[in-house]
Protein backbone atom coordinates (compact mmCIF):
# COMPACT_ATOMS: atom_id res chain seq x y z
CA MET A 1 -32.93 84.49 124.87
CA SER A 2 -35.53 85.48 122.22
CA SER A 3 -36.47 83.25 119.38
CA PRO A 4 -34.48 85.11 116.72
CA ALA A 5 -31.34 85.21 118.87
CA ARG A 6 -31.66 81.43 119.40
CA ARG A 7 -32.02 80.90 115.62
CA TRP A 8 -28.90 82.88 115.00
CA ALA A 9 -26.96 81.12 117.76
CA ARG A 10 -28.00 77.73 116.27
CA ARG A 11 -26.93 78.83 112.71
CA LEU A 12 -23.64 80.01 113.98
CA ALA A 13 -23.06 76.67 115.90
CA ILE A 14 -23.89 74.71 112.78
CA ALA A 15 -21.64 76.85 110.63
CA GLY A 16 -18.75 76.50 113.09
CA THR A 17 -19.19 72.75 113.28
CA SER A 18 -19.36 72.40 109.56
CA LEU A 19 -16.20 74.43 109.25
CA LEU A 20 -14.28 72.39 111.77
CA THR A 21 -15.47 69.24 110.11
CA LEU A 22 -14.23 70.50 106.71
CA VAL A 23 -10.83 71.32 108.18
CA VAL A 24 -10.61 67.83 109.82
CA VAL A 25 -11.59 66.15 106.52
CA LEU A 26 -9.01 68.13 104.58
CA LEU A 27 -6.19 67.27 106.98
CA ALA A 28 -7.19 63.67 106.87
CA LEU A 29 -7.15 63.70 103.08
CA LEU A 30 -3.68 65.38 102.98
CA GLN A 31 -2.30 62.46 105.11
CA LEU A 32 -3.19 60.00 102.21
CA PRO A 33 -0.10 59.85 100.00
CA PRO A 34 -1.91 59.94 96.59
CA VAL A 35 -3.73 63.28 97.85
CA ALA A 36 -0.61 64.75 99.40
CA THR A 37 1.43 63.99 96.17
CA TRP A 38 -1.29 65.62 93.98
CA VAL A 39 -1.29 68.75 96.18
CA MET A 40 2.53 69.10 96.34
CA ARG A 41 2.91 68.82 92.57
CA ARG A 42 0.66 71.80 92.19
CA LEU A 43 2.37 73.70 94.88
CA VAL A 44 5.81 73.26 93.33
CA THR A 45 4.53 74.96 90.23
CA ALA A 46 4.37 78.20 92.33
CA VAL A 47 8.21 78.03 92.89
CA PRO A 48 9.73 81.02 91.01
CA LEU A 49 11.92 79.21 88.64
CA ASN A 50 13.55 80.71 85.45
CA PRO A 51 12.17 79.60 82.06
CA GLY A 52 13.32 76.09 81.11
CA TYR A 53 13.55 74.86 84.74
CA ARG A 54 11.05 72.63 86.43
CA LEU A 55 10.63 70.67 89.64
CA GLU A 56 9.12 67.14 89.79
CA VAL A 57 8.17 65.27 92.90
CA GLY A 58 7.60 61.48 92.75
CA ALA A 59 5.65 60.97 96.04
CA VAL A 60 4.75 62.73 99.30
CA SER A 61 3.74 61.55 102.73
CA GLY A 62 3.43 63.19 106.25
CA ASP A 63 0.83 65.11 108.22
CA TRP A 64 1.65 68.51 106.77
CA LEU A 65 1.36 70.18 110.25
CA HIS A 66 4.64 68.80 111.79
CA ARG A 67 6.51 66.71 109.10
CA LEU A 68 6.73 66.10 105.36
CA ALA A 69 8.67 63.50 103.31
CA LEU A 70 9.34 63.85 99.67
CA ASP A 71 10.55 61.08 97.46
CA ASP A 72 12.31 61.38 94.07
CA VAL A 73 12.61 65.10 93.87
CA ARG A 74 14.22 66.29 90.58
CA LEU A 75 15.28 69.77 89.20
CA ILE A 76 15.39 69.64 85.39
CA ASN A 77 16.52 72.18 82.87
CA GLN A 78 15.60 71.71 79.26
CA GLY A 79 15.40 67.99 79.71
CA ARG A 80 18.62 67.58 81.60
CA GLU A 81 18.51 66.55 85.28
CA LEU A 82 20.52 69.04 87.31
CA ALA A 83 19.73 67.61 90.73
CA ARG A 84 17.96 64.63 92.29
CA VAL A 85 17.09 63.92 95.87
CA ASP A 86 16.01 60.31 96.61
CA ARG A 87 14.34 61.30 99.95
CA LEU A 88 13.83 64.66 101.63
CA GLN A 89 12.31 64.82 105.14
CA ALA A 90 11.44 67.94 107.07
CA ARG A 91 10.21 68.41 110.71
CA TYR A 92 8.83 71.68 111.65
CA ASP A 93 6.26 73.84 113.64
CA LEU A 94 4.09 75.74 111.18
CA ARG A 95 4.02 78.81 113.57
CA GLN A 96 7.83 79.04 113.45
CA VAL A 97 7.95 78.51 109.55
CA GLN A 98 5.52 81.38 109.15
CA ALA A 99 7.40 83.65 111.56
CA SER A 100 9.39 86.74 110.44
CA GLU A 101 12.49 84.69 111.00
CA PRO A 102 11.64 81.27 109.75
CA ARG A 103 12.82 78.10 111.47
CA LEU A 104 12.88 74.51 110.74
CA GLN A 105 13.46 71.83 113.44
CA GLU A 106 15.16 69.27 111.15
CA LEU A 107 15.91 68.67 107.50
CA THR A 108 17.30 65.30 106.20
CA VAL A 109 18.48 64.48 102.72
CA GLU A 110 19.13 60.86 101.99
CA GLY A 111 20.69 59.99 98.58
CA ALA A 112 21.27 63.02 96.32
CA ARG A 113 23.18 64.07 93.26
CA ALA A 114 23.67 67.48 91.84
CA VAL A 115 25.64 68.56 88.67
CA ALA A 116 26.38 72.07 88.17
CA ARG A 117 27.86 73.48 84.86
CA ARG A 118 29.41 76.85 83.87
CA GLU A 119 26.92 79.15 82.20
CA GLY A 120 28.50 82.31 81.11
CA ASN A 121 29.76 83.98 84.41
CA GLY A 122 27.59 81.80 86.61
CA TRP A 123 26.31 78.18 87.01
CA ASP A 124 23.14 76.62 85.63
CA LEU A 125 22.14 75.20 88.95
CA ALA A 126 22.52 78.53 90.73
CA ASN A 127 20.45 80.18 87.97
CA ALA A 128 17.39 78.08 88.64
CA LEU A 129 15.51 80.55 90.95
CA ARG A 130 14.36 83.85 89.60
CA ARG A 131 15.87 86.90 91.31
CA SER A 132 13.38 89.12 93.12
CA ALA A 133 13.01 92.48 91.38
CA ASP A 134 12.50 93.93 95.02
CA THR A 135 16.00 94.48 96.52
CA THR A 136 14.83 97.00 99.16
CA SER A 137 13.48 94.57 101.69
CA GLY A 138 15.55 91.75 103.34
CA GLY A 139 13.83 88.92 105.06
CA GLY A 140 14.92 87.82 108.54
CA ALA A 141 17.40 85.21 109.20
CA PHE A 142 16.53 81.58 108.48
CA THR A 143 17.38 78.90 111.16
CA LEU A 144 17.58 75.26 110.71
CA GLU A 145 18.03 73.41 114.09
CA ARG A 146 19.40 70.17 112.52
CA LEU A 147 20.70 69.32 109.18
CA ASN A 148 21.44 65.71 108.00
CA LEU A 149 22.99 64.84 104.63
CA ARG A 150 23.47 61.16 103.75
CA ASP A 151 25.25 59.79 100.53
CA VAL A 152 25.42 62.94 98.71
CA GLU A 153 27.33 63.37 95.39
CA LEU A 154 28.26 66.76 93.92
CA ILE A 155 29.85 67.55 90.56
CA ALA A 156 31.07 71.03 89.48
CA GLN A 157 31.77 70.91 85.71
CA LEU A 158 34.34 73.56 85.15
CA ALA A 159 35.00 72.41 81.48
CA PRO A 160 33.80 69.43 79.28
CA ASP A 161 36.93 67.57 80.35
CA SER A 162 37.43 69.11 83.84
CA ALA A 163 35.25 68.69 86.86
CA PHE A 164 35.45 68.95 90.75
CA ARG A 165 33.76 65.78 92.21
CA VAL A 166 32.51 65.04 95.65
CA ARG A 167 30.93 61.68 96.59
CA GLY A 168 29.79 59.86 99.71
CA LEU A 169 29.20 63.21 101.45
CA ASN A 170 27.78 62.74 104.90
CA LEU A 171 27.06 65.68 107.15
CA ARG A 172 25.57 66.26 110.65
CA ALA A 173 25.12 69.92 111.45
CA ARG A 174 22.97 72.02 113.92
CA ASN A 175 22.08 75.58 114.59
CA LEU A 176 22.50 76.60 110.92
CA VAL A 177 21.60 80.35 110.47
CA LEU A 178 21.32 81.87 107.02
CA GLY A 179 21.07 85.62 107.25
CA PRO A 180 23.54 88.58 107.26
CA GLU A 181 26.06 86.05 108.58
CA LEU A 182 26.36 82.38 108.06
CA LEU A 183 26.50 80.42 111.32
CA VAL A 184 26.73 76.68 111.84
CA GLN A 185 28.00 73.91 114.13
CA VAL A 186 29.23 70.93 112.25
CA ASP A 187 29.34 67.69 114.29
CA GLN A 188 30.44 65.48 111.42
CA LEU A 189 31.53 65.98 107.85
CA ASN A 190 33.18 63.35 105.68
CA ALA A 191 33.38 62.74 101.93
CA ALA A 192 35.68 61.63 99.07
CA VAL A 193 36.94 64.46 96.92
CA ALA A 194 38.63 64.37 93.38
CA PRO A 195 40.22 67.61 92.08
CA PRO A 196 39.67 68.74 88.57
CA GLY A 197 41.66 66.79 85.96
CA SER A 198 42.45 63.98 88.52
CA THR A 199 41.16 60.46 88.95
CA GLN A 200 42.58 60.28 92.41
CA TRP A 201 40.20 60.37 95.35
CA PHE A 202 41.08 61.88 98.55
CA ALA A 203 39.17 61.14 102.00
CA VAL A 204 38.20 64.17 103.78
CA ALA A 205 36.76 64.14 107.47
CA THR A 206 36.30 67.01 109.89
CA ARG A 207 34.06 68.79 112.29
CA GLY A 208 34.05 72.44 113.57
CA ARG A 209 31.99 75.55 113.52
CA VAL A 210 31.47 78.90 111.79
CA THR A 211 30.73 81.76 114.04
CA SER A 212 30.80 85.44 113.42
CA ASP A 213 34.35 85.60 114.54
CA GLU A 214 35.98 82.44 113.14
CA LEU A 215 35.90 79.43 110.96
CA ARG A 216 37.24 76.40 112.81
CA LEU A 217 37.72 72.92 111.53
CA GLU A 218 39.40 70.37 113.74
CA PRO A 219 40.67 67.88 113.20
CA PHE A 220 40.91 68.05 109.33
């Protein structure tokens, strides 16, 4: 090999080693909770929320390549907390997340509360995300292999003195598909439910599945 060729080969080797070292250092830094939290707080600012809404994240941990855990996640609208999640954990393969039909391996929510109020013909919680102006292209189906909800409280405020309430909601589901059709296998669902205008709580427990042909809940 000529001398110029050897110099170029050496420079490419140095550049490649430097790039690899930089990637390793960045990944190592992202595994430090203070750094991971700082990065996530800037990433959530890119979420397309409507004016007046904002997302807050208390702390973040995980390796970013396979798993992430977010603590104290809040959705706020004009100073009022619409939703709070004590801990949100996700397991995934980045290659599957970035595919044309995204897939997550597991999503776990531990301790959450959401309050939705009527806002015109809709709900303030549902209006958090901006609607895309492009209605011509639909993305592929989103698949979640396992979904776990633990100790979730939901409130639908129909009127100032009337609300539908759910508390102590626990759910174990798998093979959830969100696309042209909703598909899911529910292994466990239990909660306490209070109808609007009532102080009486009713215990609900079931399991079942939603397929393209049927909705089956048994026993209920």
